[in-house]
C-alpha cells in the first residue's frame, strides 16, 4: 500500500514562523518611529502656521499676540486647526510681545520634539 499525505512538515512550519517573527521584530519599531515622526511633523506644521499668523497679526496691529486666545480671535482658522487637544501650545516664558520678541512652543502629545516659534523663526 502506498500512503501519501499532503501537507507541511513541522520543520517547514517552524521556519516560516521564525521568518515572520524576524520580520515583525524589524518592522514594528520602524512603524512606531514613523508614527512619532508624523506627530512631530504635525507639530512643526502647526508651529509654522502660528508663526505666519503672528506675522500677519503684527502687520495689522503693530505688536505680536501674547496669548493663543488673542491670536485665535484674530485668525481663528489657522489656530483652530492646531488647537485640537492633540497639540500642547503654550506661550514661551519670558518672551515679551514688543515689536522684536514673541513666541510660543508647540509639541504633539504623542510626539517627542518641541518646536519654538520666535522672531528668529521655528526651532
N, C-alpha and C. Protein backbone atom coordinates (compact mmCIF):
# COMPACT_ATOMS: atom_id res chain seq x y z
N UNK A 1 0.81 -1.17 0.00
CA UNK A 1 0.00 0.00 0.00
C UNK A 1 0.86 1.25 0.00
N UNK A 2 0.40 2.18 -0.75
CA UNK A 2 1.14 3.44 -0.88
C UNK A 2 0.31 4.56 -0.25
N UNK A 3 0.75 5.06 0.93
CA UNK A 3 0.04 6.16 1.61
C UNK A 3 0.84 7.43 1.44
N UNK A 4 0.26 8.41 0.81
CA UNK A 4 0.90 9.74 0.69
C UNK A 4 0.02 10.76 1.39
N UNK A 5 0.64 11.48 2.26
CA UNK A 5 -0.10 12.55 2.93
C UNK A 5 0.44 13.89 2.45
N UNK A 6 -0.46 14.78 2.17
CA UNK A 6 -0.07 16.11 1.71
C UNK A 6 -0.09 17.05 2.90
N UNK A 7 0.85 17.99 2.93
CA UNK A 7 0.90 18.97 4.00
C UNK A 7 2.32 19.41 4.24
N UNK A 8 2.47 20.24 5.26
CA UNK A 8 3.78 20.76 5.60
C UNK A 8 4.34 19.98 6.78
N UNK A 9 5.64 19.89 6.79
CA UNK A 9 6.28 19.23 7.93
C UNK A 9 6.42 20.23 9.07
N UNK A 10 6.72 19.72 10.22
CA UNK A 10 6.89 20.57 11.39
C UNK A 10 8.07 21.53 11.19
N UNK A 11 9.13 21.09 10.59
CA UNK A 11 10.31 21.94 10.34
C UNK A 11 9.94 23.10 9.42
N UNK A 12 9.19 22.83 8.38
CA UNK A 12 8.80 23.89 7.45
C UNK A 12 7.94 24.94 8.16
N UNK A 13 7.02 24.49 8.98
CA UNK A 13 6.18 25.43 9.72
C UNK A 13 7.00 26.27 10.70
N UNK A 14 7.96 25.65 11.38
CA UNK A 14 8.81 26.39 12.32
C UNK A 14 9.66 27.43 11.60
N UNK A 15 10.15 27.10 10.42
CA UNK A 15 10.96 28.06 9.65
C UNK A 15 10.10 29.25 9.23
N UNK A 16 8.88 29.00 8.78
CA UNK A 16 8.00 30.09 8.38
C UNK A 16 7.68 30.98 9.58
N UNK A 17 7.38 30.39 10.71
CA UNK A 17 7.08 31.17 11.92
C UNK A 17 8.31 31.99 12.34
N UNK A 18 9.51 31.42 12.24
CA UNK A 18 10.72 32.16 12.58
C UNK A 18 10.93 33.34 11.64
N UNK A 19 10.68 33.16 10.36
CA UNK A 19 10.83 34.26 9.40
C UNK A 19 9.83 35.37 9.70
N UNK A 20 8.60 35.01 9.99
CA UNK A 20 7.58 36.02 10.32
C UNK A 20 7.97 36.76 11.60
N UNK A 21 8.50 36.05 12.58
CA UNK A 21 8.95 36.68 13.81
C UNK A 21 10.08 37.67 13.59
N UNK A 22 11.03 37.30 12.74
CA UNK A 22 12.15 38.20 12.43
C UNK A 22 11.65 39.44 11.71
N UNK A 23 10.76 39.28 10.74
CA UNK A 23 10.22 40.43 10.02
C UNK A 23 9.43 41.36 10.96
N UNK A 24 8.66 40.77 11.86
CA UNK A 24 7.91 41.59 12.81
C UNK A 24 8.84 42.35 13.74
N UNK A 25 9.91 41.71 14.17
CA UNK A 25 10.87 42.36 15.07
C UNK A 25 11.56 43.54 14.40
N UNK A 26 11.73 43.47 13.09
CA UNK A 26 12.38 44.55 12.36
C UNK A 26 11.39 45.66 12.01
N UNK A 27 10.19 45.29 11.58
CA UNK A 27 9.25 46.28 11.07
C UNK A 27 8.50 47.06 12.14
N UNK A 28 8.13 46.44 13.23
CA UNK A 28 7.31 47.13 14.24
C UNK A 28 8.01 48.36 14.82
N UNK A 29 9.30 48.29 15.22
CA UNK A 29 9.94 49.53 15.70
C UNK A 29 10.01 50.62 14.64
N UNK A 30 10.20 50.23 13.37
CA UNK A 30 10.22 51.24 12.31
C UNK A 30 8.86 51.90 12.14
N UNK A 31 7.79 51.14 12.25
CA UNK A 31 6.46 51.71 12.13
C UNK A 31 6.14 52.64 13.29
N UNK A 32 6.55 52.27 14.48
CA UNK A 32 6.34 53.13 15.64
C UNK A 32 7.13 54.43 15.48
N UNK A 33 8.37 54.33 15.00
CA UNK A 33 9.18 55.52 14.76
C UNK A 33 8.57 56.42 13.71
N UNK A 34 7.95 55.82 12.69
CA UNK A 34 7.31 56.62 11.64
C UNK A 34 6.12 57.39 12.21
N UNK A 35 5.38 56.78 13.13
CA UNK A 35 4.24 57.48 13.75
C UNK A 35 4.72 58.68 14.56
N UNK A 36 5.78 58.51 15.32
CA UNK A 36 6.32 59.61 16.13
C UNK A 36 6.80 60.74 15.23
N UNK A 37 7.47 60.39 14.13
CA UNK A 37 7.92 61.41 13.18
C UNK A 37 6.74 62.14 12.57
N UNK A 38 5.64 61.44 12.32
CA UNK A 38 4.44 62.08 11.77
C UNK A 38 3.84 63.05 12.78
N UNK A 39 3.80 62.67 14.06
CA UNK A 39 3.29 63.57 15.09
C UNK A 39 4.17 64.82 15.19
N UNK A 40 5.49 64.62 15.13
CA UNK A 40 6.40 65.76 15.19
C UNK A 40 6.24 66.67 13.97
N UNK A 41 6.00 66.09 12.81
CA UNK A 41 5.77 66.90 11.60
C UNK A 41 4.48 67.70 11.73
N UNK A 42 3.45 67.11 12.32
CA UNK A 42 2.20 67.84 12.53
C UNK A 42 2.43 69.02 13.46
N UNK A 43 3.21 68.82 14.51
CA UNK A 43 3.52 69.92 15.44
C UNK A 43 4.33 71.01 14.74
N UNK A 44 5.27 70.60 13.90
CA UNK A 44 6.08 71.58 13.17
C UNK A 44 5.20 72.39 12.21
N UNK A 45 4.27 71.74 11.55
CA UNK A 45 3.36 72.43 10.64
C UNK A 45 2.51 73.44 11.40
N UNK A 46 2.01 73.05 12.57
CA UNK A 46 1.24 74.00 13.38
C UNK A 46 2.10 75.17 13.83
N UNK A 47 3.34 74.89 14.19
CA UNK A 47 4.24 75.97 14.59
C UNK A 47 4.43 76.96 13.45
N UNK A 48 4.58 76.45 12.23
CA UNK A 48 4.73 77.34 11.07
C UNK A 48 3.46 78.17 10.85
N UNK A 49 2.29 77.54 11.02
CA UNK A 49 1.03 78.26 10.84
C UNK A 49 0.87 79.35 11.90
N UNK A 50 1.23 79.04 13.13
CA UNK A 50 1.13 80.03 14.20
C UNK A 50 2.11 81.16 13.95
N UNK A 51 3.32 80.83 13.49
CA UNK A 51 4.30 81.86 13.16
C UNK A 51 3.80 82.79 12.06
N UNK A 52 3.18 82.22 11.05
CA UNK A 52 2.62 83.03 9.97
C UNK A 52 1.49 83.91 10.48
N UNK A 53 0.62 83.34 11.32
CA UNK A 53 -0.48 84.12 11.90
C UNK A 53 0.07 85.26 12.76
N UNK A 54 1.17 85.00 13.49
CA UNK A 54 1.79 86.05 14.31
C UNK A 54 2.29 87.20 13.42
N UNK A 55 2.90 86.85 12.31
CA UNK A 55 3.42 87.90 11.42
C UNK A 55 2.28 88.73 10.83
N UNK A 56 1.19 88.07 10.45
CA UNK A 56 0.03 88.80 9.92
C UNK A 56 -0.57 89.68 11.01
N UNK A 57 -0.66 89.14 12.23
CA UNK A 57 -1.18 89.91 13.36
C UNK A 57 -0.30 91.13 13.61
N UNK A 58 1.00 90.97 13.52
CA UNK A 58 1.93 92.08 13.75
C UNK A 58 1.76 93.16 12.68
N UNK A 59 1.54 92.76 11.46
CA UNK A 59 1.36 93.74 10.38
C UNK A 59 0.10 94.57 10.64
N UNK A 60 -0.97 93.90 11.07
CA UNK A 60 -2.23 94.60 11.31
C UNK A 60 -2.25 95.39 12.61
N UNK A 61 -1.56 94.93 13.65
CA UNK A 61 -1.69 95.52 14.98
C UNK A 61 -0.44 96.23 15.49
N UNK A 62 0.65 96.14 14.79
CA UNK A 62 1.93 96.71 15.22
C UNK A 62 2.45 96.10 16.50
N UNK A 63 2.00 94.92 16.86
CA UNK A 63 2.50 94.19 18.01
C UNK A 63 2.22 92.71 17.78
N UNK A 64 2.85 91.87 18.56
CA UNK A 64 2.61 90.43 18.44
C UNK A 64 1.61 89.98 19.50
N UNK A 65 0.89 88.94 19.20
CA UNK A 65 -0.08 88.38 20.15
C UNK A 65 0.67 87.67 21.26
N UNK A 66 0.25 87.93 22.50
CA UNK A 66 0.93 87.32 23.63
C UNK A 66 0.28 86.02 24.07
N UNK A 67 -0.96 85.80 23.66
CA UNK A 67 -1.65 84.57 24.03
C UNK A 67 -2.23 83.92 22.78
N UNK A 68 -2.47 82.65 22.90
CA UNK A 68 -3.09 81.93 21.79
C UNK A 68 -4.52 82.38 21.58
N UNK A 69 -5.21 82.77 22.66
CA UNK A 69 -6.59 83.25 22.54
C UNK A 69 -6.64 84.54 21.72
N UNK A 70 -5.69 85.44 21.93
CA UNK A 70 -5.64 86.67 21.15
C UNK A 70 -5.41 86.36 19.69
N UNK A 71 -4.48 85.46 19.44
CA UNK A 71 -4.17 85.08 18.06
C UNK A 71 -5.35 84.35 17.44
N UNK A 72 -6.04 83.55 18.22
CA UNK A 72 -7.18 82.78 17.74
C UNK A 72 -8.34 83.71 17.37
N UNK A 73 -8.55 84.76 18.15
CA UNK A 73 -9.63 85.69 17.83
C UNK A 73 -9.34 86.46 16.55
N UNK A 74 -8.06 86.61 16.23
CA UNK A 74 -7.67 87.32 15.02
C UNK A 74 -7.71 86.41 13.80
N UNK A 75 -7.16 85.22 13.92
CA UNK A 75 -7.06 84.28 12.80
C UNK A 75 -7.52 82.91 13.28
N UNK A 76 -8.82 82.77 13.45
CA UNK A 76 -9.37 81.56 14.06
C UNK A 76 -9.12 80.30 13.24
N UNK A 77 -9.13 80.42 11.94
CA UNK A 77 -8.96 79.24 11.09
C UNK A 77 -7.61 78.58 11.26
N UNK A 78 -6.56 79.36 11.28
CA UNK A 78 -5.22 78.81 11.40
C UNK A 78 -4.99 78.21 12.77
N UNK A 79 -5.34 78.92 13.80
CA UNK A 79 -5.06 78.47 15.16
C UNK A 79 -5.97 77.32 15.55
N UNK A 80 -7.23 77.35 15.11
CA UNK A 80 -8.17 76.30 15.45
C UNK A 80 -7.70 74.95 14.93
N UNK A 81 -7.09 74.92 13.76
CA UNK A 81 -6.60 73.66 13.19
C UNK A 81 -5.51 73.06 14.07
N UNK A 82 -4.76 73.90 14.76
CA UNK A 82 -3.69 73.41 15.63
C UNK A 82 -4.18 73.13 17.04
N UNK A 83 -5.19 73.82 17.48
CA UNK A 83 -5.64 73.71 18.87
C UNK A 83 -6.77 72.69 18.98
N UNK A 84 -6.45 71.43 18.67
CA UNK A 84 -7.47 70.38 18.67
C UNK A 84 -7.39 69.50 19.90
N UNK A 85 -6.53 69.81 20.84
CA UNK A 85 -6.36 68.97 22.01
C UNK A 85 -5.22 67.96 21.83
N UNK A 86 -4.77 67.78 20.60
CA UNK A 86 -3.65 66.87 20.36
C UNK A 86 -2.32 67.59 20.46
N UNK A 87 -2.36 68.91 20.36
CA UNK A 87 -1.15 69.71 20.46
C UNK A 87 -1.14 70.44 21.80
N UNK A 88 0.03 70.51 22.38
CA UNK A 88 0.21 71.33 23.57
C UNK A 88 0.87 72.62 23.11
N UNK A 89 0.15 73.72 23.18
CA UNK A 89 0.65 75.01 22.71
C UNK A 89 0.69 75.95 23.91
N UNK A 90 1.83 76.56 24.11
CA UNK A 90 1.97 77.46 25.25
C UNK A 90 2.84 78.64 24.85
N UNK A 91 2.62 79.79 25.51
CA UNK A 91 3.47 80.95 25.30
C UNK A 91 4.83 80.68 25.93
N UNK A 92 5.87 81.11 25.27
CA UNK A 92 7.21 80.94 25.81
C UNK A 92 7.39 81.81 27.05
N UNK A 93 8.02 81.27 28.05
CA UNK A 93 8.25 82.02 29.28
C UNK A 93 9.27 83.12 29.03
N UNK A 94 9.01 84.28 29.57
CA UNK A 94 9.96 85.37 29.49
C UNK A 94 10.03 86.07 28.16
N UNK A 95 9.11 85.78 27.26
CA UNK A 95 9.13 86.42 25.95
C UNK A 95 8.09 87.54 25.95
N UNK A 96 8.52 88.72 25.57
CA UNK A 96 7.61 89.86 25.56
C UNK A 96 6.97 89.99 24.19
N UNK A 97 5.95 90.82 24.12
CA UNK A 97 5.23 90.98 22.86
C UNK A 97 5.55 92.32 22.20
N UNK A 98 6.73 92.84 22.44
CA UNK A 98 7.06 94.08 21.75
C UNK A 98 7.35 93.75 20.28
N UNK A 99 7.80 94.71 19.55
CA UNK A 99 7.96 94.51 18.11
C UNK A 99 9.12 93.57 17.77
N UNK A 100 9.91 93.15 18.72
CA UNK A 100 11.06 92.29 18.43
C UNK A 100 10.93 90.89 19.01
N UNK A 101 10.11 90.69 20.01
CA UNK A 101 10.07 89.40 20.68
C UNK A 101 8.64 88.88 20.81
N UNK A 102 8.48 87.62 20.51
CA UNK A 102 7.23 86.92 20.76
C UNK A 102 7.54 85.45 20.71
N UNK A 103 6.65 84.62 21.14
CA UNK A 103 6.92 83.21 20.99
C UNK A 103 5.88 82.29 21.57
N UNK A 104 5.84 81.11 21.02
CA UNK A 104 5.02 80.01 21.50
C UNK A 104 5.82 78.73 21.36
N UNK A 105 5.45 77.72 22.09
CA UNK A 105 6.01 76.39 21.88
C UNK A 105 4.87 75.47 21.46
N UNK A 106 5.20 74.52 20.61
CA UNK A 106 4.22 73.56 20.13
C UNK A 106 4.83 72.17 20.23
N UNK A 107 4.08 71.25 20.81
CA UNK A 107 4.51 69.85 20.85
C UNK A 107 3.26 68.99 20.72
N UNK A 108 3.35 67.92 19.96
CA UNK A 108 2.24 66.98 19.86
C UNK A 108 2.26 66.10 21.10
N UNK A 109 1.10 65.76 21.61
CA UNK A 109 1.02 64.97 22.84
C UNK A 109 1.69 63.61 22.72
N UNK A 110 1.79 63.07 21.52
CA UNK A 110 2.43 61.78 21.33
C UNK A 110 3.75 61.89 20.58
N UNK A 111 4.21 63.12 20.36
CA UNK A 111 5.48 63.32 19.69
C UNK A 111 6.61 63.46 20.69
N UNK A 112 7.82 63.68 20.17
CA UNK A 112 8.99 63.81 21.03
C UNK A 112 9.62 65.19 20.96
N UNK A 113 9.45 65.90 19.86
CA UNK A 113 10.12 67.18 19.69
C UNK A 113 9.22 68.34 20.06
N UNK A 114 9.84 69.39 20.55
CA UNK A 114 9.15 70.64 20.87
C UNK A 114 9.63 71.70 19.89
N UNK A 115 8.70 72.41 19.31
CA UNK A 115 9.03 73.45 18.34
C UNK A 115 8.79 74.80 18.98
N UNK A 116 9.77 75.68 18.91
CA UNK A 116 9.65 77.03 19.45
C UNK A 116 9.50 78.02 18.30
N UNK A 117 8.54 78.90 18.44
CA UNK A 117 8.29 79.94 17.45
C UNK A 117 8.79 81.25 18.07
N UNK A 118 9.81 81.83 17.48
CA UNK A 118 10.34 83.10 17.97
C UNK A 118 10.53 84.02 16.77
N UNK A 119 11.01 85.22 17.03
CA UNK A 119 11.25 86.15 15.95
C UNK A 119 12.32 85.66 14.99
N UNK A 120 13.13 84.69 15.45
CA UNK A 120 14.17 84.13 14.59
C UNK A 120 13.68 82.98 13.73
N UNK A 121 12.41 82.64 13.86
CA UNK A 121 11.85 81.54 13.09
C UNK A 121 11.47 80.38 13.98
N UNK A 122 11.38 79.20 13.37
CA UNK A 122 10.96 77.99 14.08
C UNK A 122 12.20 77.17 14.40
N UNK A 123 12.30 76.79 15.65
CA UNK A 123 13.46 75.99 16.06
C UNK A 123 13.01 74.80 16.86
